């Protein structure tokens, strides 16, 4: 933190900060759900005025009007990749229905505009606000507007998650794929078309943006005061050796259902579940302030991805259906599969339960098949999406992907050398499988595999009667009748 920022914090710790300490204490002392509307508004006003004063202290000689901030002073508080966002935010906060640009904002205007942001009650209003912000007040987005929107949303999600950005050449391709997905061949996109695309493609796009702004406004925090740190576990998911970059991980965190990015600590209540109930601490009716509080506290899901565990990497473990079987079977939790193949294609198959070998398709309503590159799109969503067949006759062996009643998008034959993409064979380059469950799911998989291997070793050492094989052995039949799946796994390490 620079000397200038340190001086600002020192002045506030000894001076004007004291006048708001009582308001902050009243709010912080209240348990969640019992914060009264009056105290909430007082806290908002105090926080916004404190932030305004901090911004005044960063002003250069051009800011000569007391009680006002110049455009330059405001925008300079946003450095690096966030500078463009500062430009857009100032224009949005000073917008009064006219197309004229203002060069200054008063304390009263800043406080009023800040409260309008903090009092956005529902996700529809969030989308509308940020659409117009990134569209610079117009009723449509251009390709350049959308590119900035995606880049800034990515940057702010990292920032609010306190994750340091590590440059990756692949990230630019991901942003480009999103722009292509939204526009196609159209030069601009209306609000209605954008909402339709957002709902089907990445419904949580603005979670990180809104959380970042709320953090800054309610915490009286200058952007340069926000701490960043490297997250080795998350960087391990997005390393250059893997098919995933940080932008891909971020995009999946705003696209996939919560089951793939949910915290598995077992502590607390899922905020998604709480929000969906429209519960009010004051009684049976919906309280807009309570709903708003829940929305504002909803965290970006990107940090949860650091809990993903690599189950299978075809470059490391060998590319064959037996090796896939060994490392993926018995993992009874949500997982994501990345497929890279000819034509610079990258697909993500998100399966909301463990893999099950057999003639029937499996998967629940949270399954998603997503094309990440060269164009981003959610191809299919829903249950009964995947079939993994090694034994049944009359059905192609290998892996087939496509919901019942819909087109088969991908098929990986038993030899694991090709991918059939909409009926066209393509060379398969790489497969990765990541487990999204808790450590318990991983431990259970290991325990099951160890048990199965011990059974195989025991039976291999057992003397069989003449003309008796393992397939004919009564012990195998008894184990199958008791629900044990034997005989369909490879135990090579």
Protein backbone atom coordinates (compact mmCIF):
# COMPACT_ATOMS: atom_id res chain seq x y z
CA UNK A 1 0.00 0.00 0.00
CA UNK A 2 1.47 3.35 -1.05
CA UNK A 3 2.31 6.29 1.21
CA UNK A 4 -0.63 8.30 -0.10
CA UNK A 5 -3.12 5.61 0.81
CA UNK A 6 -1.48 5.15 4.22
CA UNK A 7 -1.87 8.87 4.91
CA UNK A 8 -5.54 8.70 3.92
CA UNK A 9 -6.19 5.78 6.25
CA UNK A 10 -4.29 7.51 9.07
CA UNK A 11 -6.36 10.68 8.74
CA UNK A 12 -9.60 8.72 8.81
CA UNK A 13 -8.56 6.64 11.80
CA UNK A 14 -8.02 9.84 13.79
CA UNK A 15 -10.63 12.15 12.33
CA UNK A 16 -13.80 11.93 10.29
CA UNK A 17 -13.96 8.16 10.63
CA UNK A 18 -14.94 8.56 14.29
CA UNK A 19 -18.22 10.28 13.44
CA UNK A 20 -19.49 7.13 11.73
CA UNK A 21 -18.21 4.53 14.20
CA UNK A 22 -21.47 4.48 16.15
CA UNK A 23 -23.54 3.81 13.00
CA UNK A 24 -21.22 1.00 11.96
CA UNK A 25 -21.25 -0.50 15.45
CA UNK A 26 -25.06 -0.49 15.56
CA UNK A 27 -25.20 -2.42 12.30
CA UNK A 28 -22.39 -4.86 13.07
CA UNK A 29 -23.82 -5.67 16.50
CA UNK A 30 -27.09 -6.76 14.92
CA UNK A 31 -27.30 -10.45 13.94
CA UNK A 32 -27.94 -11.25 10.26
CA UNK A 33 -31.59 -10.86 9.39
CA UNK A 34 -32.35 -8.42 12.23
CA UNK A 35 -30.68 -5.33 10.73
CA UNK A 36 -33.33 -2.68 10.78
CA UNK A 37 -34.02 -0.71 7.66
CA UNK A 38 -33.29 2.61 9.37
CA UNK A 39 -29.86 1.53 10.57
CA UNK A 40 -29.10 -0.02 7.18
CA UNK A 41 -29.75 3.28 5.39
CA UNK A 42 -27.73 5.20 7.97
CA UNK A 43 -24.83 2.83 7.46
CA UNK A 44 -25.07 3.19 3.68
CA UNK A 45 -25.01 6.98 3.91
CA UNK A 46 -22.07 6.98 6.32
CA UNK A 47 -20.07 4.54 4.19
CA UNK A 48 -20.68 6.46 0.96
CA UNK A 49 -19.76 9.81 2.52
CA UNK A 50 -16.61 8.30 3.96
CA UNK A 51 -15.63 6.92 0.56
CA UNK A 52 -16.33 10.30 -1.04
CA UNK A 53 -13.98 11.98 1.44
CA UNK A 54 -11.29 9.41 0.71
CA UNK A 55 -11.61 10.14 -2.99
CA UNK A 56 -11.33 13.87 -2.27
CA UNK A 57 -8.01 13.28 -0.51
CA UNK A 58 -6.62 11.57 -3.62
CA UNK A 59 -7.45 14.59 -5.79
CA UNK A 60 -4.76 16.52 -7.61
CA UNK A 61 -4.63 20.27 -8.17
CA UNK A 62 -7.44 20.16 -10.75
CA UNK A 63 -10.03 19.25 -8.09
CA UNK A 64 -10.50 22.81 -6.80
CA UNK A 65 -14.18 22.65 -5.84
CA UNK A 66 -14.79 21.57 -2.21
CA UNK A 67 -17.55 18.98 -1.88
CA UNK A 68 -17.17 17.89 -5.51
CA UNK A 69 -15.12 15.30 -7.36
CA UNK A 70 -13.81 15.86 -10.85
CA UNK A 71 -14.15 13.13 -13.46
CA UNK A 72 -10.36 12.80 -13.56
CA UNK A 73 -10.07 12.33 -9.79
CA UNK A 74 -12.77 9.65 -9.78
CA UNK A 75 -11.40 7.77 -12.78
CA UNK A 76 -7.80 7.85 -11.52
CA UNK A 77 -8.88 5.89 -8.44
CA UNK A 78 -9.38 2.95 -10.81
CA UNK A 79 -6.00 1.85 -12.09
CA UNK A 80 -4.81 -0.79 -14.52
CA UNK A 81 -7.50 -2.98 -16.10
CA UNK A 82 -10.16 -1.33 -13.91
CA UNK A 83 -9.62 2.18 -15.30
CA UNK A 84 -12.17 1.69 -18.07
CA UNK A 85 -14.67 0.54 -15.46
CA UNK A 86 -14.06 3.75 -13.51
CA UNK A 87 -14.88 5.73 -16.66
CA UNK A 88 -18.12 3.81 -17.17
CA UNK A 89 -19.12 3.96 -13.50
CA UNK A 90 -18.65 7.74 -13.30
CA UNK A 91 -20.81 8.22 -16.39
CA UNK A 92 -23.49 5.93 -14.95
CA UNK A 93 -23.51 7.67 -11.55
CA UNK A 94 -23.80 11.13 -13.13
CA UNK A 95 -26.35 10.11 -15.77
CA UNK A 96 -29.58 12.08 -15.36
CA UNK A 97 -31.53 11.09 -18.45
CA UNK A 98 -29.62 13.41 -20.79
CA UNK A 99 -26.80 12.58 -23.16
CA UNK A 100 -24.57 15.38 -21.89
CA UNK A 101 -21.43 14.36 -20.02
CA UNK A 102 -20.73 15.86 -16.62
CA UNK A 103 -17.23 16.66 -15.45
CA UNK A 104 -18.05 16.74 -11.73
CA UNK A 105 -20.12 14.94 -9.14
CA UNK A 106 -21.17 16.46 -5.82
CA UNK A 107 -21.22 14.68 -2.47
CA UNK A 108 -25.02 14.55 -2.58
CA UNK A 109 -25.08 13.15 -6.12
CA UNK A 110 -22.46 10.55 -5.24
CA UNK A 111 -24.39 9.44 -2.15
CA UNK A 112 -27.68 9.25 -4.04
CA UNK A 113 -26.18 7.28 -6.94
CA UNK A 114 -24.41 4.93 -4.52
CA UNK A 115 -27.64 4.23 -2.65
CA UNK A 116 -29.38 3.42 -5.92
CA UNK A 117 -26.79 0.71 -6.53
CA UNK A 118 -26.99 -0.67 -2.99
CA UNK A 119 -30.79 -0.80 -3.11
CA UNK A 120 -31.05 -2.95 -6.21
CA UNK A 121 -33.35 -5.66 -4.91
CA UNK A 122 -33.47 -8.40 -7.54
CA UNK A 123 -31.28 -9.99 -10.19
CA UNK A 124 -33.37 -8.61 -13.05
CA UNK A 125 -32.60 -5.09 -11.83
CA UNK A 126 -28.92 -6.00 -11.48
CA UNK A 127 -28.79 -7.14 -15.11
CA UNK A 128 -30.59 -4.02 -16.33
CA UNK A 129 -28.30 -1.68 -14.40
CA UNK A 130 -25.05 -3.21 -15.64
CA UNK A 131 -26.30 -3.63 -19.20
CA UNK A 132 -26.83 0.13 -19.43
CA UNK A 133 -23.55 0.78 -17.64
CA UNK A 134 -21.52 -1.25 -20.14
CA UNK A 135 -23.62 0.05 -23.05
CA UNK A 136 -22.73 3.62 -21.96
CA UNK A 137 -26.41 4.45 -21.52
CA UNK A 138 -27.50 3.19 -24.95
CA UNK A 139 -30.25 0.64 -25.59
CA UNK A 140 -27.85 -1.81 -27.25
CA UNK A 141 -24.38 -3.30 -26.90
CA UNK A 142 -21.69 -3.20 -29.57
CA UNK A 143 -18.99 -5.85 -29.91
CA UNK A 144 -16.50 -3.52 -28.22
CA UNK A 145 -18.96 -2.86 -25.37
CA UNK A 146 -19.41 -6.60 -24.84
CA UNK A 147 -15.67 -7.30 -24.94
CA UNK A 148 -15.11 -4.70 -22.21
CA UNK A 149 -18.05 -6.08 -20.23
CA UNK A 150 -16.63 -9.62 -20.22
CA UNK A 151 -13.06 -8.48 -19.49
CA UNK A 152 -14.16 -6.23 -16.62
CA UNK A 153 -16.51 -8.85 -15.17
CA UNK A 154 -13.61 -11.31 -15.17
CA UNK A 155 -11.24 -8.80 -13.54
CA UNK A 156 -13.73 -7.72 -10.86
CA UNK A 157 -14.58 -11.33 -9.96
CA UNK A 158 -10.88 -12.00 -9.39
CA UNK A 159 -10.59 -8.77 -7.39
CA UNK A 160 -13.58 -9.37 -5.10
CA UNK A 161 -12.34 -12.93 -4.58
CA UNK A 162 -8.91 -11.49 -3.66
CA UNK A 163 -7.24 -13.57 -6.36
CA UNK A 164 -4.19 -12.19 -8.14
CA UNK A 165 -4.43 -12.39 -11.91
CA UNK A 166 -1.74 -14.37 -13.71
CA UNK A 167 -1.55 -13.54 -17.41
CA UNK A 168 -2.54 -16.35 -19.77
CA UNK A 169 -2.70 -16.09 -23.57
CA UNK A 170 -5.71 -18.43 -23.62
CA UNK A 171 -7.91 -15.97 -21.74
CA UNK A 172 -8.22 -13.64 -24.73
CA UNK A 173 -9.57 -16.51 -26.86
CA UNK A 174 -12.21 -17.26 -24.22
CA UNK A 175 -13.40 -13.63 -24.18
CA UNK A 176 -13.51 -13.67 -27.98
CA UNK A 177 -15.56 -16.88 -27.96
CA UNK A 178 -18.10 -15.22 -25.64
CA UNK A 179 -18.40 -12.17 -27.91
CA UNK A 180 -18.91 -14.41 -30.95
CA UNK A 181 -21.56 -16.38 -29.06
CA UNK A 182 -23.50 -13.25 -28.14
CA UNK A 183 -23.38 -11.45 -31.49
CA UNK A 184 -22.96 -14.06 -34.21
CA UNK A 185 -22.93 -11.89 -37.33
CA UNK A 186 -24.99 -9.06 -35.81
CA UNK A 187 -23.27 -5.67 -35.23
CA UNK A 188 -25.24 -4.91 -32.05
CA UNK A 189 -27.44 -6.63 -29.47
CA UNK A 190 -30.56 -5.24 -27.81
CA UNK A 191 -31.35 -5.55 -24.10
CA UNK A 192 -34.01 -8.23 -24.67
CA UNK A 193 -31.71 -10.36 -26.81
CA UNK A 194 -28.91 -9.96 -24.28
CA UNK A 195 -31.18 -11.11 -21.43
CA UNK A 196 -32.20 -14.18 -23.42
CA UNK A 197 -28.56 -15.04 -24.14
CA UNK A 198 -27.53 -14.39 -20.54
CA UNK A 199 -30.24 -16.65 -19.13
CA UNK A 200 -29.14 -19.62 -21.22
CA UNK A 201 -25.39 -19.01 -21.46
CA UNK A 202 -23.98 -17.50 -18.24
CA UNK A 203 -26.76 -16.43 -15.85
CA UNK A 204 -24.41 -15.38 -13.03
CA UNK A 205 -22.21 -13.04 -15.10
CA UNK A 206 -22.74 -9.96 -12.93
CA UNK A 207 -22.41 -11.59 -9.49
CA UNK A 208 -18.73 -10.68 -9.26
CA UNK A 209 -19.30 -7.16 -10.61
CA UNK A 210 -22.09 -6.36 -8.18
CA UNK A 211 -20.26 -7.86 -5.22
CA UNK A 212 -17.17 -5.81 -6.04
CA UNK A 213 -19.10 -2.52 -6.19
CA UNK A 214 -21.00 -3.30 -2.98
CA UNK A 215 -17.72 -4.17 -1.25
CA UNK A 216 -16.20 -0.85 -2.30
CA UNK A 217 -19.25 1.28 -1.47
CA UNK A 218 -20.19 -0.28 1.88
CA UNK A 219 -16.60 -0.80 3.00
CA UNK A 220 -15.51 2.72 2.04
CA UNK A 221 -12.66 0.98 0.24
CA UNK A 222 -10.58 2.51 -2.53
CA UNK A 223 -9.81 0.04 -5.35
CA UNK A 224 -6.07 0.28 -4.60
CA UNK A 225 -6.70 -0.79 -0.99
CA UNK A 226 -8.11 -4.18 -2.00
CA UNK A 227 -5.64 -6.92 -1.15
CA UNK A 228 -4.71 -9.59 -3.67
CA UNK A 229 -2.98 -12.90 -3.18
CA UNK A 230 -1.98 -15.86 -5.28
CA UNK A 231 -4.11 -18.96 -4.76
CA UNK A 232 -1.87 -21.93 -5.58
CA UNK A 233 -4.70 -24.47 -5.55
CA UNK A 234 -6.77 -22.44 -8.01
CA UNK A 235 -3.73 -21.74 -10.17
CA UNK A 236 -3.13 -25.50 -10.14
CA UNK A 237 -6.51 -25.99 -11.81
CA UNK A 238 -5.75 -23.30 -14.41
CA UNK A 239 -2.12 -24.19 -15.10
CA UNK A 240 -0.70 -24.12 -18.63
CA UNK A 241 -0.37 -27.92 -18.55
CA UNK A 242 -4.15 -28.31 -18.21
CA UNK A 243 -6.96 -27.56 -20.63
CA UNK A 244 -8.36 -24.91 -18.28
CA UNK A 245 -7.25 -21.29 -18.05
CA UNK A 246 -8.34 -18.87 -15.33
CA UNK A 247 -10.87 -17.32 -17.73
CA UNK A 248 -12.35 -20.75 -18.50
CA UNK A 249 -12.65 -21.51 -14.80
CA UNK A 250 -14.28 -18.11 -14.21
CA UNK A 251 -16.71 -18.62 -17.10
CA UNK A 252 -17.75 -22.01 -15.75
CA UNK A 253 -18.23 -20.50 -12.28
CA UNK A 254 -20.82 -18.07 -13.70
CA UNK A 255 -22.46 -20.70 -15.92
CA UNK A 256 -22.68 -24.04 -14.13
CA UNK A 257 -25.33 -24.80 -11.49
CA UNK A 258 -24.19 -24.37 -7.87
CA UNK A 259 -23.72 -28.13 -7.39
CA UNK A 260 -20.39 -27.87 -9.25
CA UNK A 261 -19.07 -24.85 -7.33
CA UNK A 262 -20.68 -25.28 -3.92
CA UNK A 263 -18.61 -25.15 -0.76
CA UNK A 264 -18.42 -28.63 0.78
CA UNK A 265 -17.31 -27.53 4.23
CA UNK A 266 -20.70 -28.45 5.63
CA UNK A 267 -20.92 -25.17 7.52
CA UNK A 268 -23.73 -22.69 7.13
CA UNK A 269 -26.66 -22.64 4.76
CA UNK A 270 -26.44 -22.33 1.02
CA UNK A 271 -27.22 -18.74 0.17
CA UNK A 272 -28.83 -19.87 -3.06
CA UNK A 273 -31.31 -21.91 -1.06
CA UNK A 274 -31.99 -19.06 1.35
CA UNK A 275 -32.53 -16.56 -1.46
CA UNK A 276 -34.93 -18.84 -3.30
CA UNK A 277 -37.26 -19.00 -0.31
CA UNK A 278 -37.80 -15.23 -0.23
CA UNK A 279 -37.75 -15.59 3.52
CA UNK A 280 -38.14 -12.54 5.70
CA UNK A 281 -36.96 -12.24 9.30
CA UNK A 282 -39.88 -9.91 9.98
CA UNK A 283 -42.69 -12.27 9.09
CA UNK A 284 -44.38 -13.99 6.20
CA UNK A 285 -44.20 -11.21 3.59
CA UNK A 286 -41.19 -10.58 1.41
CA UNK A 287 -39.02 -7.76 2.73
CA UNK A 288 -37.20 -5.96 -0.14
CA UNK A 289 -34.36 -4.85 2.12
CA UNK A 290 -33.84 -8.41 3.38
CA UNK A 291 -33.94 -9.79 -0.16
CA UNK A 292 -31.45 -7.13 -1.19
CA UNK A 293 -29.15 -8.00 1.71
CA UNK A 294 -29.09 -11.66 0.67
CA UNK A 295 -28.39 -10.73 -2.93
CA UNK A 296 -25.57 -8.37 -2.00
CA UNK A 297 -23.94 -11.01 0.19
CA UNK A 298 -24.05 -13.68 -2.51
CA UNK A 299 -20.42 -14.47 -3.17
CA UNK A 300 -18.77 -15.08 -6.51
CA UNK A 301 -18.26 -18.82 -6.90
CA UNK A 302 -14.79 -18.72 -8.43
CA UNK A 303 -12.92 -19.44 -5.15
CA UNK A 304 -14.85 -22.70 -4.76
CA UNK A 305 -13.20 -24.08 -7.91
CA UNK A 306 -9.93 -24.46 -6.01
CA UNK A 307 -11.57 -27.50 -4.40
CA UNK A 308 -11.71 -29.33 -7.74
CA UNK A 309 -9.51 -32.43 -7.87
CA UNK A 310 -7.89 -33.88 -10.98
CA UNK A 311 -9.15 -37.45 -11.42
CA UNK A 312 -7.91 -38.27 -14.90
CA UNK A 313 -5.52 -36.67 -17.39
CA UNK A 314 -5.00 -38.64 -20.60
CA UNK A 315 -1.48 -37.22 -21.02
CA UNK A 316 -0.45 -38.38 -17.55
CA UNK A 317 -2.48 -41.56 -17.07
CA UNK A 318 -2.69 -42.87 -20.64
CA UNK A 319 -5.47 -42.48 -23.17
CA UNK A 320 -7.66 -45.58 -23.10
CA UNK A 321 -11.08 -46.49 -21.81
CA UNK A 322 -9.47 -48.80 -19.24
CA UNK A 323 -7.36 -45.98 -17.81
CA UNK A 324 -10.40 -43.70 -17.82
CA UNK A 325 -12.34 -46.43 -16.01
CA UNK A 326 -9.65 -46.88 -13.38
CA UNK A 327 -9.47 -43.21 -12.41
CA UNK A 328 -13.11 -42.13 -12.79
CA UNK A 329 -15.24 -45.07 -11.67
CA UNK A 330 -16.53 -45.11 -8.08
CA UNK A 331 -16.24 -41.30 -7.78
CA UNK A 332 -19.79 -40.60 -6.62
CA UNK A 333 -19.94 -36.80 -6.89
CA UNK A 334 -20.36 -34.08 -9.55
CA UNK A 335 -17.50 -33.83 -12.03
CA UNK A 336 -16.49 -31.95 -15.17
CA UNK A 337 -14.83 -33.45 -18.24
CA UNK A 338 -12.83 -31.41 -20.74
CA UNK A 339 -12.39 -32.72 -24.27
CA UNK A 340 -9.90 -31.19 -26.70
CA UNK A 341 -10.05 -32.36 -30.29
CA UNK A 342 -9.43 -31.50 -33.91
CA UNK A 343 -10.61 -28.10 -35.14
CA UNK A 344 -9.39 -26.27 -31.99
CA UNK A 345 -12.53 -27.51 -30.24
CA UNK A 346 -12.77 -27.54 -26.46
CA UNK A 347 -15.89 -28.95 -24.80
CA UNK A 348 -16.86 -29.17 -21.15
CA UNK A 349 -19.21 -31.94 -20.04
CA UNK A 350 -20.53 -31.29 -16.52
CA UNK A 351 -22.08 -34.40 -14.95
CA UNK A 352 -23.94 -33.89 -11.68
CA UNK A 353 -23.37 -37.42 -10.33
CA UNK A 354 -20.89 -40.27 -10.51
CA UNK A 355 -20.32 -42.21 -13.73
CA UNK A 356 -22.24 -45.46 -14.20
CA UNK A 357 -21.23 -48.02 -16.82
CA UNK A 358 -24.16 -49.70 -18.56
CA UNK A 359 -26.60 -49.54 -21.48
CA UNK A 360 -28.75 -46.73 -20.04
CA UNK A 361 -28.03 -43.02 -20.05
CA UNK A 362 -27.45 -41.27 -16.74
CA UNK A 363 -27.21 -37.74 -15.34
CA UNK A 364 -29.56 -35.39 -13.51
CA UNK A 365 -31.16 -32.06 -14.38
CA UNK A 366 -27.96 -30.11 -13.60
CA UNK A 367 -25.94 -31.76 -16.39
CA UNK A 368 -24.51 -29.37 -18.98
CA UNK A 369 -22.68 -29.82 -22.27
CA UNK A 370 -20.80 -26.62 -23.10
CA UNK A 371 -18.64 -25.75 -26.07
CA UNK A 372 -15.91 -23.46 -24.74
CA UNK A 373 -13.90 -22.89 -27.94
CA UNK A 374 -13.80 -21.72 -30.70
CA UNK A 375 -17.27 -20.35 -29.88
CA UNK A 376 -18.88 -20.41 -26.45
CA UNK A 377 -22.36 -21.91 -26.10
CA UNK A 378 -24.36 -24.16 -23.81
CA UNK A 379 -25.21 -26.94 -26.26
CA UNK A 380 -27.49 -29.10 -24.11
CA UNK A 381 -28.77 -29.16 -20.54
CA UNK A 382 -30.79 -31.72 -18.63
CA UNK A 383 -30.99 -35.30 -17.44
CA UNK A 384 -30.06 -38.60 -19.12
CA UNK A 385 -27.25 -37.00 -21.10
CA UNK A 386 -24.41 -39.55 -20.94
CA UNK A 387 -24.00 -43.24 -21.75
CA UNK A 388 -20.88 -45.22 -20.87
CA UNK A 389 -21.05 -48.72 -22.32
CA UNK A 390 -18.36 -51.38 -22.22
CA UNK A 391 -20.35 -54.62 -22.06
CA UNK A 392 -23.86 -54.42 -23.54
CA UNK A 393 -24.33 -55.75 -27.05
CA UNK A 394 -26.31 -53.96 -29.71
CA UNK A 395 -25.19 -50.55 -28.38
CA UNK A 396 -21.99 -48.79 -29.48
CA UNK A 397 -19.20 -49.27 -26.98
CA UNK A 398 -17.56 -46.18 -25.56
CA UNK A 399 -19.06 -42.87 -24.40
CA UNK A 400 -21.99 -41.09 -26.05
CA UNK A 401 -23.17 -37.59 -25.09
CA UNK A 402 -26.61 -36.25 -25.93
CA UNK A 403 -29.88 -36.07 -24.00
CA UNK A 404 -32.65 -38.53 -24.78
CA UNK A 405 -34.74 -37.20 -27.65
CA UNK A 406 -31.99 -34.79 -28.73
CA UNK A 407 -29.07 -35.01 -31.14
CA UNK A 408 -26.01 -36.98 -30.13
CA UNK A 409 -23.35 -34.28 -30.03
CA UNK A 410 -20.24 -36.24 -29.05
CA UNK A 411 -19.24 -39.88 -29.17
CA UNK A 412 -15.93 -41.40 -28.08
CA UNK A 413 -15.47 -44.92 -29.48
CA UNK A 414 -13.99 -47.70 -27.38
CA UNK A 415 -10.48 -47.14 -28.77
CA UNK A 416 -10.39 -43.56 -27.36
CA UNK A 417 -8.52 -42.27 -30.43
CA UNK A 418 -11.25 -40.16 -32.00
CA UNK A 419 -14.26 -38.01 -31.17
CA UNK A 420 -17.32 -38.17 -33.40
CA UNK A 421 -18.61 -34.58 -33.41
CA UNK A 422 -22.14 -34.34 -34.85
CA UNK A 423 -21.36 -37.45 -36.90
CA UNK A 424 -17.94 -36.23 -38.11
CA UNK A 425 -14.87 -38.15 -36.83
CA UNK A 426 -12.19 -35.87 -35.35
CA UNK A 427 -8.79 -36.64 -33.84
CA UNK A 428 -8.95 -36.67 -30.03
CA UNK A 429 -6.14 -34.65 -28.44
CA UNK A 430 -6.72 -34.78 -24.70
CA UNK A 431 -9.23 -35.62 -21.95
CA UNK A 432 -9.30 -34.29 -18.39
CA UNK A 433 -11.74 -35.19 -15.62
CA UNK A 434 -12.05 -33.01 -12.51
CA UNK A 435 -13.95 -34.04 -9.40
CA UNK A 436 -16.10 -31.29 -7.88
CA UNK A 437 -17.07 -33.09 -4.69
CA UNK A 438 -15.67 -33.02 -1.20
CA UNK A 439 -12.61 -34.81 0.12
CA UNK A 440 -15.02 -37.44 1.43
CA UNK A 441 -16.01 -38.37 -2.14
CA UNK A 442 -12.35 -38.79 -3.08
CA UNK A 443 -11.66 -40.90 0.02
CA UNK A 444 -14.70 -43.08 -0.71
CA UNK A 445 -13.50 -43.66 -4.26
CA UNK A 446 -10.07 -44.70 -3.02
CA UNK A 447 -11.59 -47.01 -0.41
CA UNK A 448 -13.86 -48.66 -3.00
CA UNK A 449 -11.01 -49.17 -5.44
CA UNK A 450 -8.80 -50.69 -2.73
CA UNK A 451 -11.59 -53.08 -1.74
CA UNK A 452 -12.21 -54.14 -5.35
CA UNK A 453 -8.50 -54.71 -5.94
CA UNK A 454 -8.25 -56.85 -2.81
CA UNK A 455 -11.18 -58.95 -4.02
CA UNK A 456 -9.53 -59.45 -7.40
CA UNK A 457 -6.25 -60.50 -5.80
CA UNK A 458 -8.08 -62.89 -3.49
CA UNK A 459 -9.97 -64.52 -6.32
CA UNK A 460 -6.92 -64.67 -8.56
CA UNK A 461 -5.12 -66.65 -5.86
CA UNK A 462 -8.04 -68.95 -5.25
CA UNK A 463 -7.86 -72.43 -6.74
CA UNK A 464 -10.74 -73.00 -9.10
CA UNK A 465 -12.28 -76.33 -9.79
CA UNK A 466 -11.60 -77.94 -13.12
CA UNK A 467 -13.51 -76.27 -15.96
CA UNK A 468 -14.57 -73.41 -13.60
CA UNK A 469 -13.94 -69.78 -14.53
CA UNK A 470 -14.44 -66.58 -12.55
CA UNK A 471 -17.47 -65.73 -14.69
CA UNK A 472 -19.07 -69.04 -13.66
CA UNK A 473 -18.01 -68.86 -10.02
CA UNK A 474 -20.92 -68.77 -7.50
CA UNK A 475 -19.01 -66.22 -5.38
CA UNK A 476 -19.19 -63.70 -8.20
CA UNK A 477 -22.94 -64.22 -8.55
CA UNK A 478 -23.47 -63.81 -4.80
CA UNK A 479 -21.48 -60.57 -4.78
CA UNK A 480 -23.49 -59.20 -7.70
CA UNK A 481 -26.78 -60.14 -6.03
CA UNK A 482 -25.68 -58.16 -2.97
CA UNK A 483 -25.17 -55.03 -5.06
CA UNK A 484 -21.40 -55.18 -5.64
CA UNK A 485 -20.29 -54.18 -9.13
CA UNK A 486 -17.50 -56.60 -10.03
CA UNK A 487 -15.98 -57.62 -13.29
CA UNK A 488 -16.36 -54.26 -15.06
CA UNK A 489 -13.26 -52.48 -13.79
CA UNK A 490 -9.64 -52.39 -14.76
CA UNK A 491 -7.27 -52.54 -11.82
CA UNK A 492 -4.06 -51.61 -13.57
CA UNK A 493 -2.28 -48.79 -11.80
